[in-house]
All heavy atoms as atom14 arrays in JSON, in Angstrom:
{
  "sequence": "GDPCRVCGHGSAATTDDAAAAAEMASTSLFDACKEGRSDVVQAWLN",
  "atom14_mask": [
    [1, 1, 1, 1, 0, 0, 0, 0, 0, 0, 0, 0, 0, 0],
    [1, 1, 1, 1, 1, 1, 1, 1, 0, 0, 0, 0, 0, 0],
    [1, 1, 1, 1, 1, 1, 1, 0, 0, 0, 0, 0, 0, 0],
    [1, 1, 1, 1, 1, 1, 0, 0, 0, 0, 0, 0, 0, 0],
    [1, 1, 1, 1, 1, 1, 1, 1, 1, 1, 1, 0, 0, 0],
    [1, 1, 1, 1, 1, 1, 1, 0, 0, 0, 0, 0, 0, 0],
    [1, 1, 1, 1, 1, 1, 0, 0, 0, 0, 0, 0, 0, 0],
    [1, 1, 1, 1, 0, 0, 0, 0, 0, 0, 0, 0, 0, 0],
    [1, 1, 1, 1, 1, 1, 1, 1, 1, 1, 0, 0, 0, 0],
    [1, 1, 1, 1, 0, 0, 0, 0, 0, 0, 0, 0, 0, 0],
    [1, 1, 1, 1, 1, 1, 0, 0, 0, 0, 0, 0, 0, 0],
    [1, 1, 1, 1, 1, 0, 0, 0, 0, 0, 0, 0, 0, 0],
    [1, 1, 1, 1, 1, 0, 0, 0, 0, 0, 0, 0, 0, 0],
    [1, 1, 1, 1, 1, 1, 1, 0, 0, 0, 0, 0, 0, 0],
    [1, 1, 1, 1, 1, 1, 1, 0, 0, 0, 0, 0, 0, 0],
    [1, 1, 1, 1, 1, 1, 1, 1, 0, 0, 0, 0, 0, 0],
    [1, 1, 1, 1, 1, 1, 1, 1, 0, 0, 0, 0, 0, 0],
    [1, 1, 1, 1, 1, 0, 0, 0, 0, 0, 0, 0, 0, 0],
    [1, 1, 1, 1, 1, 0, 0, 0, 0, 0, 0, 0, 0, 0],
    [1, 1, 1, 1, 1, 0, 0, 0, 0, 0, 0, 0, 0, 0],
    [1, 1, 1, 1, 1, 0, 0, 0, 0, 0, 0, 0, 0, 0],
    [1, 1, 1, 1, 1, 0, 0, 0, 0, 0, 0, 0, 0, 0],
    [1, 1, 1, 1, 1, 1, 1, 1, 1, 0, 0, 0, 0, 0],
    [1, 1, 1, 1, 1, 1, 1, 1, 0, 0, 0, 0, 0, 0],
    [1, 1, 1, 1, 1, 0, 0, 0, 0, 0, 0, 0, 0, 0],
    [1, 1, 1, 1, 1, 1, 0, 0, 0, 0, 0, 0, 0, 0],
    [1, 1, 1, 1, 1, 1, 1, 0, 0, 0, 0, 0, 0, 0],
    [1, 1, 1, 1, 1, 1, 0, 0, 0, 0, 0, 0, 0, 0],
    [1, 1, 1, 1, 1, 1, 1, 1, 0, 0, 0, 0, 0, 0],
    [1, 1, 1, 1, 1, 1, 1, 1, 1, 1, 1, 0, 0, 0],
    [1, 1, 1, 1, 1, 1, 1, 1, 0, 0, 0, 0, 0, 0],
    [1, 1, 1, 1, 1, 0, 0, 0, 0, 0, 0, 0, 0, 0],
    [1, 1, 1, 1, 1, 1, 0, 0, 0, 0, 0, 0, 0, 0],
    [1, 1, 1, 1, 1, 1, 1, 1, 1, 0, 0, 0, 0, 0],
    [1, 1, 1, 1, 1, 1, 1, 1, 1, 0, 0, 0, 0, 0],
    [1, 1, 1, 1, 0, 0, 0, 0, 0, 0, 0, 0, 0, 0],
    [1, 1, 1, 1, 1, 1, 1, 1, 1, 1, 1, 0, 0, 0],
    [1, 1, 1, 1, 1, 1, 0, 0, 0, 0, 0, 0, 0, 0],
    [1, 1, 1, 1, 1, 1, 1, 1, 0, 0, 0, 0, 0, 0],
    [1, 1, 1, 1, 1, 1, 1, 0, 0, 0, 0, 0, 0, 0],
    [1, 1, 1, 1, 1, 1, 1, 0, 0, 0, 0, 0, 0, 0],
    [1, 1, 1, 1, 1, 1, 1, 1, 1, 0, 0, 0, 0, 0],
    [1, 1, 1, 1, 1, 0, 0, 0, 0, 0, 0, 0, 0, 0],
    [1, 1, 1, 1, 1, 1, 1, 1, 1, 1, 1, 1, 1, 1],
    [1, 1, 1, 1, 1, 1, 1, 1, 0, 0, 0, 0, 0, 0],
    [1, 1, 1, 1, 1, 1, 1, 1, 0, 0, 0, 0, 0, 0]
  ],
  "atom14_positions": [
    [[-19.9, -20.49, -16.81], [-20.15, -21.71, -17.57], [-19.22, -21.88, -18.74], [-19.08, -22.97, -19.26], [0.0, 0.0, 0.0], [0.0, 0.0, 0.0], [0.0, 0.0, 0.0], [0.0, 0.0, 0.0], [0.0, 0.0, 0.0], [0.0, 0.0, 0.0], [0.0, 0.0, 0.0], [0.0, 0.0, 0.0], [0.0, 0.0, 0.0], [0.0, 0.0, 0.0]],
    [[-18.59, -20.76, -19.2], [-17.64, -20.86, -20.31], [-16.23, -21.09, -19.78], [-15.89, -20.62, -18.7], [-17.64, -19.56, -21.13], [-18.95, -19.39, -21.89], [-19.63, -20.42, -22.1], [-19.27, -18.24, -22.24], [0.0, 0.0, 0.0], [0.0, 0.0, 0.0], [0.0, 0.0, 0.0], [0.0, 0.0, 0.0], [0.0, 0.0, 0.0], [0.0, 0.0, 0.0]],
    [[-15.41, -21.79, -20.53], [-14.01, -21.99, -20.09], [-13.24, -20.68, -20.17], [-13.51, -19.82, -21.01], [-13.48, -23.01, -21.09], [-14.3, -22.82, -22.31], [-15.67, -22.45, -21.81], [0.0, 0.0, 0.0], [0.0, 0.0, 0.0], [0.0, 0.0, 0.0], [0.0, 0.0, 0.0], [0.0, 0.0, 0.0], [0.0, 0.0, 0.0], [0.0, 0.0, 0.0]],
    [[-12.25, -20.51, -19.22], [-11.39, -19.32, -19.24], [-10.48, -19.39, -20.45], [-9.81, -20.38, -20.69], [-10.56, -19.26, -17.95], [-9.42, -17.87, -17.94], [0.0, 0.0, 0.0], [0.0, 0.0, 0.0], [0.0, 0.0, 0.0], [0.0, 0.0, 0.0], [0.0, 0.0, 0.0], [0.0, 0.0, 0.0], [0.0, 0.0, 0.0], [0.0, 0.0, 0.0]],
    [[-10.43, -18.27, -21.2], [-9.64, -18.27, -22.42], [-8.16, -18.05, -22.17], [-7.35, -18.12, -23.08], [-10.18, -17.2, -23.37], [-11.58, -17.5, -23.86], [-11.99, -16.56, -24.98], [-12.02, -15.18, -24.52], [-12.15, -14.13, -25.34], [-12.22, -14.33, -26.65], [-12.18, -12.91, -24.86], [0.0, 0.0, 0.0], [0.0, 0.0, 0.0], [0.0, 0.0, 0.0]],
    [[-7.8, -17.74, -20.93], [-6.38, -17.54, -20.62], [-5.76, -18.77, -19.96], [-4.76, -19.31, -20.43], [-6.2, -16.3, -19.72], [-4.73, -16.14, -19.32], [-6.69, -15.06, -20.42], [0.0, 0.0, 0.0], [0.0, 0.0, 0.0], [0.0, 0.0, 0.0], [0.0, 0.0, 0.0], [0.0, 0.0, 0.0], [0.0, 0.0, 0.0], [0.0, 0.0, 0.0]],
    [[-6.37, -19.21, -18.85], [-5.76, -20.33, -18.13], [-6.44, -21.66, -18.43], [-5.95, -22.71, -18.03], [-5.78, -20.08, -16.62], [-7.42, -20.12, -15.91], [0.0, 0.0, 0.0], [0.0, 0.0, 0.0], [0.0, 0.0, 0.0], [0.0, 0.0, 0.0], [0.0, 0.0, 0.0], [0.0, 0.0, 0.0], [0.0, 0.0, 0.0], [0.0, 0.0, 0.0]],
    [[-7.59, -21.62, -19.14], [-8.25, -22.86, -19.49], [-9.16, -23.39, -18.42], [-9.72, -24.48, -18.57], [0.0, 0.0, 0.0], [0.0, 0.0, 0.0], [0.0, 0.0, 0.0], [0.0, 0.0, 0.0], [0.0, 0.0, 0.0], [0.0, 0.0, 0.0], [0.0, 0.0, 0.0], [0.0, 0.0, 0.0], [0.0, 0.0, 0.0], [0.0, 0.0, 0.0]],
    [[-9.31, -22.62, -17.31], [-10.19, -23.09, -16.24], [-11.61, -23.26, -16.78], [-12.17, -22.35, -17.38], [-10.17, -22.08, -15.09], [-11.01, -22.49, -13.92], [-11.59, -21.58, -13.08], [-11.37, -23.71, -13.47], [-12.27, -22.21, -12.14], [-12.14, -23.52, -12.38], [0.0, 0.0, 0.0], [0.0, 0.0, 0.0], [0.0, 0.0, 0.0], [0.0, 0.0, 0.0]],
    [[-12.19, -24.44, -16.55], [-13.54, -24.72, -17.03], [-13.55, -25.46, -18.35], [-14.59, -25.88, -18.82], [0.0, 0.0, 0.0], [0.0, 0.0, 0.0], [0.0, 0.0, 0.0], [0.0, 0.0, 0.0], [0.0, 0.0, 0.0], [0.0, 0.0, 0.0], [0.0, 0.0, 0.0], [0.0, 0.0, 0.0], [0.0, 0.0, 0.0], [0.0, 0.0, 0.0]],
    [[-12.38, -25.62, -18.97], [-12.32, -26.33, -20.25], [-12.06, -27.8, -20.0], [-11.38, -28.18, -19.04], [-11.18, -25.74, -21.11], [-11.0, -26.49, -22.27], [0.0, 0.0, 0.0], [0.0, 0.0, 0.0], [0.0, 0.0, 0.0], [0.0, 0.0, 0.0], [0.0, 0.0, 0.0], [0.0, 0.0, 0.0], [0.0, 0.0, 0.0], [0.0, 0.0, 0.0]],
    [[-12.61, -28.62, -20.91], [-12.4, -30.06, -20.76], [-10.97, -30.43, -21.06], [-10.4, -31.35, -20.48], [-13.36, -30.83, -21.67], [0.0, 0.0, 0.0], [0.0, 0.0, 0.0], [0.0, 0.0, 0.0], [0.0, 0.0, 0.0], [0.0, 0.0, 0.0], [0.0, 0.0, 0.0], [0.0, 0.0, 0.0], [0.0, 0.0, 0.0], [0.0, 0.0, 0.0]],
    [[-10.38, -29.74, -22.02], [-9.0, -30.05, -22.4], [-8.06, -29.18, -21.58], [-8.18, -27.96, -21.59], [-8.79, -29.78, -23.89], [0.0, 0.0, 0.0], [0.0, 0.0, 0.0], [0.0, 0.0, 0.0], [0.0, 0.0, 0.0], [0.0, 0.0, 0.0], [0.0, 0.0, 0.0], [0.0, 0.0, 0.0], [0.0, 0.0, 0.0], [0.0, 0.0, 0.0]],
    [[-7.15, -29.79, -20.82], [-6.19, -29.05, -19.96], [-4.79, -29.54, -20.24], [-4.58, -30.57, -20.89], [-6.52, -29.27, -18.48], [-6.4, -30.66, -18.18], [-7.92, -28.75, -18.16], [0.0, 0.0, 0.0], [0.0, 0.0, 0.0], [0.0, 0.0, 0.0], [0.0, 0.0, 0.0], [0.0, 0.0, 0.0], [0.0, 0.0, 0.0], [0.0, 0.0, 0.0]],
    [[-3.8, -28.77, -19.72], [-2.39, -29.15, -19.87], [-1.67, -28.84, -18.59], [-2.07, -27.96, -17.83], [-1.72, -28.38, -21.03], [-0.33, -28.74, -21.07], [-1.81, -26.87, -20.82], [0.0, 0.0, 0.0], [0.0, 0.0, 0.0], [0.0, 0.0, 0.0], [0.0, 0.0, 0.0], [0.0, 0.0, 0.0], [0.0, 0.0, 0.0], [0.0, 0.0, 0.0]],
    [[-0.58, -29.54, -18.31], [0.23, -29.33, -17.11], [1.58, -28.72, -17.47], [2.59, -29.0, -16.85], [0.45, -30.65, -16.36], [-0.84, -31.14, -15.73], [-1.61, -30.28, -15.26], [-1.04, -32.36, -15.7], [0.0, 0.0, 0.0], [0.0, 0.0, 0.0], [0.0, 0.0, 0.0], [0.0, 0.0, 0.0], [0.0, 0.0, 0.0], [0.0, 0.0, 0.0]],
    [[1.6, -27.9, -18.47], [2.85, -27.29, -18.9], [3.25, -26.21, -17.9], [2.84, -25.05, -17.99], [2.69, -26.68, -20.3], [4.02, -26.23, -20.87], [4.99, -26.1, -20.11], [4.06, -25.99, -22.09], [0.0, 0.0, 0.0], [0.0, 0.0, 0.0], [0.0, 0.0, 0.0], [0.0, 0.0, 0.0], [0.0, 0.0, 0.0], [0.0, 0.0, 0.0]],
    [[4.05, -26.58, -16.87], [4.41, -25.66, -15.78], [5.24, -24.49, -16.27], [5.08, -23.37, -15.81], [5.16, -26.42, -14.69], [0.0, 0.0, 0.0], [0.0, 0.0, 0.0], [0.0, 0.0, 0.0], [0.0, 0.0, 0.0], [0.0, 0.0, 0.0], [0.0, 0.0, 0.0], [0.0, 0.0, 0.0], [0.0, 0.0, 0.0], [0.0, 0.0, 0.0]],
    [[6.15, -24.74, -17.22], [7.02, -23.67, -17.72], [6.2, -22.59, -18.41], [6.4, -21.4, -18.2], [8.06, -24.24, -18.67], [0.0, 0.0, 0.0], [0.0, 0.0, 0.0], [0.0, 0.0, 0.0], [0.0, 0.0, 0.0], [0.0, 0.0, 0.0], [0.0, 0.0, 0.0], [0.0, 0.0, 0.0], [0.0, 0.0, 0.0], [0.0, 0.0, 0.0]],
    [[5.26, -23.02, -19.22], [4.41, -22.06, -19.93], [3.54, -21.3, -18.94], [3.32, -20.1, -19.07], [3.55, -22.78, -20.95], [0.0, 0.0, 0.0], [0.0, 0.0, 0.0], [0.0, 0.0, 0.0], [0.0, 0.0, 0.0], [0.0, 0.0, 0.0], [0.0, 0.0, 0.0], [0.0, 0.0, 0.0], [0.0, 0.0, 0.0], [0.0, 0.0, 0.0]],
    [[3.08, -21.99, -17.91], [2.27, -21.33, -16.89], [3.07, -20.28, -16.15], [2.59, -19.18, -15.86], [1.72, -22.37, -15.91], [0.0, 0.0, 0.0], [0.0, 0.0, 0.0], [0.0, 0.0, 0.0], [0.0, 0.0, 0.0], [0.0, 0.0, 0.0], [0.0, 0.0, 0.0], [0.0, 0.0, 0.0], [0.0, 0.0, 0.0], [0.0, 0.0, 0.0]],
    [[4.34, -20.6, -15.84], [5.18, -19.65, -15.12], [5.45, -18.42, -15.96], [5.45, -17.29, -15.46], [6.5, -20.32, -14.73], [0.0, 0.0, 0.0], [0.0, 0.0, 0.0], [0.0, 0.0, 0.0], [0.0, 0.0, 0.0], [0.0, 0.0, 0.0], [0.0, 0.0, 0.0], [0.0, 0.0, 0.0], [0.0, 0.0, 0.0], [0.0, 0.0, 0.0]],
    [[5.68, -18.62, -17.29], [5.93, -17.48, -18.16], [4.69, -16.6, -18.26], [4.77, -15.37, -18.24], [6.35, -17.95, -19.55], [6.66, -16.78, -20.48], [7.18, -17.24, -21.83], [7.41, -18.45, -22.0], [7.36, -16.38, -22.7], [0.0, 0.0, 0.0], [0.0, 0.0, 0.0], [0.0, 0.0, 0.0], [0.0, 0.0, 0.0], [0.0, 0.0, 0.0]],
    [[3.53, -17.25, -18.35], [2.3, -16.47, -18.43], [2.09, -15.7, -17.14], [1.68, -14.52, -17.16], [1.11, -17.39, -18.68], [-0.23, -16.63, -18.76], [-1.54, -17.68, -19.37], [-1.0, -17.93, -21.05], [0.0, 0.0, 0.0], [0.0, 0.0, 0.0], [0.0, 0.0, 0.0], [0.0, 0.0, 0.0], [0.0, 0.0, 0.0], [0.0, 0.0, 0.0]],
    [[2.41, -16.32, -15.98], [2.27, -15.62, -14.7], [3.18, -14.4, -14.66], [2.8, -13.32, -14.2], [2.58, -16.57, -13.56], [0.0, 0.0, 0.0], [0.0, 0.0, 0.0], [0.0, 0.0, 0.0], [0.0, 0.0, 0.0], [0.0, 0.0, 0.0], [0.0, 0.0, 0.0], [0.0, 0.0, 0.0], [0.0, 0.0, 0.0], [0.0, 0.0, 0.0]],
    [[4.42, -14.57, -15.17], [5.38, -13.48, -15.13], [4.96, -12.33, -16.03], [5.05, -11.15, -15.67], [6.77, -13.99, -15.53], [7.22, -14.98, -14.63], [0.0, 0.0, 0.0], [0.0, 0.0, 0.0], [0.0, 0.0, 0.0], [0.0, 0.0, 0.0], [0.0, 0.0, 0.0], [0.0, 0.0, 0.0], [0.0, 0.0, 0.0], [0.0, 0.0, 0.0]],
    [[4.49, -12.66, -17.24], [4.05, -11.59, -18.15], [2.81, -10.9, -17.61], [2.65, -9.68, -17.74], [3.79, -12.15, -19.55], [2.83, -13.21, -19.48], [5.07, -12.67, -20.18], [0.0, 0.0, 0.0], [0.0, 0.0, 0.0], [0.0, 0.0, 0.0], [0.0, 0.0, 0.0], [0.0, 0.0, 0.0], [0.0, 0.0, 0.0], [0.0, 0.0, 0.0]],
    [[1.94, -11.65, -16.97], [0.76, -11.04, -16.36], [1.16, -10.15, -15.19], [0.53, -9.12, -14.94], [-0.2, -12.13, -15.88], [-0.64, -12.92, -16.97], [0.0, 0.0, 0.0], [0.0, 0.0, 0.0], [0.0, 0.0, 0.0], [0.0, 0.0, 0.0], [0.0, 0.0, 0.0], [0.0, 0.0, 0.0], [0.0, 0.0, 0.0], [0.0, 0.0, 0.0]],
    [[2.22, -10.53, -14.48], [2.73, -9.72, -13.38], [3.18, -8.35, -13.87], [2.99, -7.33, -13.2], [3.9, -10.45, -12.69], [4.57, -9.75, -11.52], [3.57, -9.49, -10.39], [5.74, -10.59, -11.0], [0.0, 0.0, 0.0], [0.0, 0.0, 0.0], [0.0, 0.0, 0.0], [0.0, 0.0, 0.0], [0.0, 0.0, 0.0], [0.0, 0.0, 0.0]],
    [[3.75, -8.31, -15.09], [4.17, -7.04, -15.67], [3.0, -6.07, -15.77], [3.1, -4.9, -15.4], [4.75, -7.28, -17.07], [6.23, -7.43, -17.08], [6.82, -8.63, -16.7], [7.06, -6.39, -17.44], [8.18, -8.78, -16.7], [8.43, -6.52, -17.45], [8.99, -7.73, -17.07], [0.0, 0.0, 0.0], [0.0, 0.0, 0.0], [0.0, 0.0, 0.0]],
    [[1.88, -6.56, -16.35], [0.73, -5.68, -16.54], [0.17, -5.2, -15.21], [-0.26, -4.05, -15.08], [-0.35, -6.4, -17.35], [0.03, -6.48, -18.82], [0.67, -5.53, -19.31], [-0.29, -7.48, -19.46], [0.0, 0.0, 0.0], [0.0, 0.0, 0.0], [0.0, 0.0, 0.0], [0.0, 0.0, 0.0], [0.0, 0.0, 0.0], [0.0, 0.0, 0.0]],
    [[0.17, -6.09, -14.21], [-0.32, -5.7, -12.88], [0.57, -4.61, -12.29], [0.08, -3.66, -11.66], [-0.35, -6.92, -11.96], [0.0, 0.0, 0.0], [0.0, 0.0, 0.0], [0.0, 0.0, 0.0], [0.0, 0.0, 0.0], [0.0, 0.0, 0.0], [0.0, 0.0, 0.0], [0.0, 0.0, 0.0], [0.0, 0.0, 0.0], [0.0, 0.0, 0.0]],
    [[1.9, -4.71, -12.5], [2.83, -3.69, -11.98], [2.68, -2.37, -12.74], [2.78, -1.3, -12.15], [4.27, -4.2, -12.09], [4.66, -5.54, -10.94], [0.0, 0.0, 0.0], [0.0, 0.0, 0.0], [0.0, 0.0, 0.0], [0.0, 0.0, 0.0], [0.0, 0.0, 0.0], [0.0, 0.0, 0.0], [0.0, 0.0, 0.0], [0.0, 0.0, 0.0]],
    [[2.42, -2.47, -14.04], [2.24, -1.25, -14.84], [1.0, -0.5, -14.39], [0.98, 0.74, -14.33], [2.14, -1.63, -16.31], [1.91, -0.44, -17.23], [1.78, -0.9, -18.67], [1.48, 0.28, -19.61], [1.33, -0.17, -21.01], [0.0, 0.0, 0.0], [0.0, 0.0, 0.0], [0.0, 0.0, 0.0], [0.0, 0.0, 0.0], [0.0, 0.0, 0.0]],
    [[-0.06, -1.24, -14.08], [-1.32, -0.62, -13.71], [-1.42, -0.33, -12.21], [-2.37, 0.3, -11.75], [-2.47, -1.52, -14.15], [-2.53, -1.69, -15.67], [-3.45, -2.82, -16.11], [-4.14, -3.38, -15.21], [-3.47, -3.15, -17.3], [0.0, 0.0, 0.0], [0.0, 0.0, 0.0], [0.0, 0.0, 0.0], [0.0, 0.0, 0.0], [0.0, 0.0, 0.0]],
    [[-0.43, -0.83, -11.44], [-0.46, -0.57, -10.01], [-1.46, -1.39, -9.25], [-1.89, -0.99, -8.16], [0.0, 0.0, 0.0], [0.0, 0.0, 0.0], [0.0, 0.0, 0.0], [0.0, 0.0, 0.0], [0.0, 0.0, 0.0], [0.0, 0.0, 0.0], [0.0, 0.0, 0.0], [0.0, 0.0, 0.0], [0.0, 0.0, 0.0], [0.0, 0.0, 0.0]],
    [[-1.85, -2.54, -9.79], [-2.8, -3.43, -9.12], [-2.07, -4.29, -8.11], [-1.65, -5.42, -8.39], [-3.52, -4.29, -10.15], [-4.47, -3.55, -11.07], [-5.73, -3.12, -10.33], [-6.38, -4.24, -9.66], [-7.2, -5.11, -10.26], [-7.47, -4.97, -11.55], [-7.76, -6.08, -9.57], [0.0, 0.0, 0.0], [0.0, 0.0, 0.0], [0.0, 0.0, 0.0]],
    [[-1.88, -3.76, -6.9], [-1.09, -4.48, -5.9], [-1.75, -5.8, -5.49], [-1.06, -6.77, -5.17], [-0.88, -3.6, -4.66], [-2.11, -3.17, -4.13], [0.0, 0.0, 0.0], [0.0, 0.0, 0.0], [0.0, 0.0, 0.0], [0.0, 0.0, 0.0], [0.0, 0.0, 0.0], [0.0, 0.0, 0.0], [0.0, 0.0, 0.0], [0.0, 0.0, 0.0]],
    [[-3.1, -5.85, -5.53], [-3.77, -7.11, -5.2], [-3.47, -8.18, -6.23], [-3.23, -9.35, -5.91], [-5.28, -6.9, -5.05], [-5.89, -6.24, -6.29], [-5.14, -5.65, -7.1], [-7.13, -6.32, -6.44], [0.0, 0.0, 0.0], [0.0, 0.0, 0.0], [0.0, 0.0, 0.0], [0.0, 0.0, 0.0], [0.0, 0.0, 0.0], [0.0, 0.0, 0.0]],
    [[-3.43, -7.77, -7.5], [-3.11, -8.72, -8.56], [-1.63, -9.11, -8.49], [-1.27, -10.27, -8.7], [-3.44, -8.11, -9.94], [-3.09, -9.09, -11.05], [-4.93, -7.75, -10.0], [0.0, 0.0, 0.0], [0.0, 0.0, 0.0], [0.0, 0.0, 0.0], [0.0, 0.0, 0.0], [0.0, 0.0, 0.0], [0.0, 0.0, 0.0], [0.0, 0.0, 0.0]],
    [[-0.78, -8.14, -8.19], [0.65, -8.43, -8.03], [0.84, -9.5, -6.97], [1.56, -10.49, -7.17], [1.42, -7.14, -7.65], [2.85, -7.48, -7.23], [1.44, -6.16, -8.8], [0.0, 0.0, 0.0], [0.0, 0.0, 0.0], [0.0, 0.0, 0.0], [0.0, 0.0, 0.0], [0.0, 0.0, 0.0], [0.0, 0.0, 0.0], [0.0, 0.0, 0.0]],
    [[0.18, -9.32, -5.83], [0.33, -10.29, -4.74], [-0.19, -11.66, -5.16], [0.42, -12.69, -4.85], [-0.44, -9.8, -3.5], [-0.24, -10.67, -2.27], [1.18, -10.68, -1.79], [1.68, -9.69, -1.28], [1.87, -11.8, -1.97], [0.0, 0.0, 0.0], [0.0, 0.0, 0.0], [0.0, 0.0, 0.0], [0.0, 0.0, 0.0], [0.0, 0.0, 0.0]],
    [[-1.32, -11.67, -5.9], [-1.89, -12.95, -6.33], [-0.94, -13.69, -7.25], [-0.73, -14.9, -7.12], [-3.24, -12.71, -7.01], [0.0, 0.0, 0.0], [0.0, 0.0, 0.0], [0.0, 0.0, 0.0], [0.0, 0.0, 0.0], [0.0, 0.0, 0.0], [0.0, 0.0, 0.0], [0.0, 0.0, 0.0], [0.0, 0.0, 0.0], [0.0, 0.0, 0.0]],
    [[-0.36, -12.97, -8.23], [0.56, -13.65, -9.16], [1.84, -14.09, -8.46], [2.4, -15.14, -8.79], [0.89, -12.72, -10.34], [-0.19, -12.69, -11.37], [-0.94, -11.64, -11.76], [-0.64, -13.8, -12.15], [-1.85, -11.99, -12.74], [-1.68, -13.34, -12.99], [-0.31, -15.15, -12.22], [-2.36, -14.15, -13.89], [-0.99, -15.97, -13.11], [-2.0, -15.47, -13.93]],
    [[2.29, -13.32, -7.51], [3.47, -13.75, -6.73], [3.15, -15.02, -5.95], [3.97, -15.93, -5.85], [3.92, -12.63, -5.78], [4.54, -11.39, -6.44], [4.79, -10.3, -5.4], [5.85, -11.75, -7.14], [0.0, 0.0, 0.0], [0.0, 0.0, 0.0], [0.0, 0.0, 0.0], [0.0, 0.0, 0.0], [0.0, 0.0, 0.0], [0.0, 0.0, 0.0]],
    [[1.94, -15.06, -5.39], [1.52, -16.26, -4.66], [1.44, -17.47, -5.59], [1.62, -18.62, -5.14], [0.16, -16.04, -3.99], [0.24, -15.03, -2.86], [1.32, -14.75, -2.35], [-0.91, -14.48, -2.46], [0.0, 0.0, 0.0], [0.0, 0.0, 0.0], [0.0, 0.0, 0.0], [0.0, 0.0, 0.0], [0.0, 0.0, 0.0], [0.0, 0.0, 0.0]]
  ]
}
Protein backbone atom coordinates (compact mmCIF):
# COMPACT_ATOMS: atom_id res chain seq x y z
CA GLY A 1 0.00 0.00 0.00
CA ASP A 2 3.00 2.33 0.41
CA PRO A 3 4.80 3.77 -2.61
CA CYS A 4 8.23 2.30 -3.48
CA ARG A 5 10.92 4.65 -2.23
CA VAL A 6 13.32 3.70 -5.02
CA CYS A 7 11.35 3.51 -8.25
CA GLY A 8 8.21 5.35 -7.11
CA HIS A 9 5.91 2.43 -7.87
CA GLY A 10 2.63 3.07 -6.06
CA SER A 11 3.20 6.82 -5.76
CA ALA A 12 0.80 9.31 -7.26
CA ALA A 13 3.63 11.50 -8.48
CA THR A 14 5.73 9.79 -11.22
CA THR A 15 8.37 10.80 -13.77
CA ASP A 16 9.49 9.45 -17.16
CA ASP A 17 13.12 10.39 -16.79
CA ALA A 18 14.57 7.45 -18.81
CA ALA A 19 18.20 8.52 -18.37
CA ALA A 20 17.91 8.63 -14.61
CA ALA A 21 16.15 5.28 -14.64
CA ALA A 22 18.93 3.73 -16.72
CA GLU A 23 21.60 5.06 -14.35
CA MET A 24 19.73 3.72 -11.37
CA ALA A 25 19.39 0.33 -13.09
CA SER A 26 23.13 0.28 -13.79
CA THR A 27 24.12 1.20 -10.24
CA SER A 28 21.71 -1.39 -8.90
CA LEU A 29 23.29 -3.93 -11.25
CA PHE A 30 26.62 -3.29 -9.51
CA ASP A 31 25.26 -4.30 -6.12
CA ALA A 32 23.64 -7.42 -7.59
CA CYS A 33 27.00 -8.42 -9.15
CA LYS A 34 28.85 -7.74 -5.89
CA GLU A 35 26.45 -9.93 -3.94
CA GLY A 36 26.24 -12.61 -6.64
CA ARG A 37 22.47 -12.30 -7.06
CA SER A 38 22.25 -13.75 -10.56
CA ASP A 39 18.44 -13.52 -10.55
CA VAL A 40 18.64 -9.81 -9.81
CA VAL A 41 21.40 -9.38 -12.39
CA GLN A 42 19.18 -10.97 -15.02
CA ALA A 43 16.21 -8.82 -13.99
CA TRP A 44 18.18 -5.56 -14.26
CA LEU A 45 19.62 -6.61 -17.60
CA ASN A 46 16.09 -7.31 -18.79
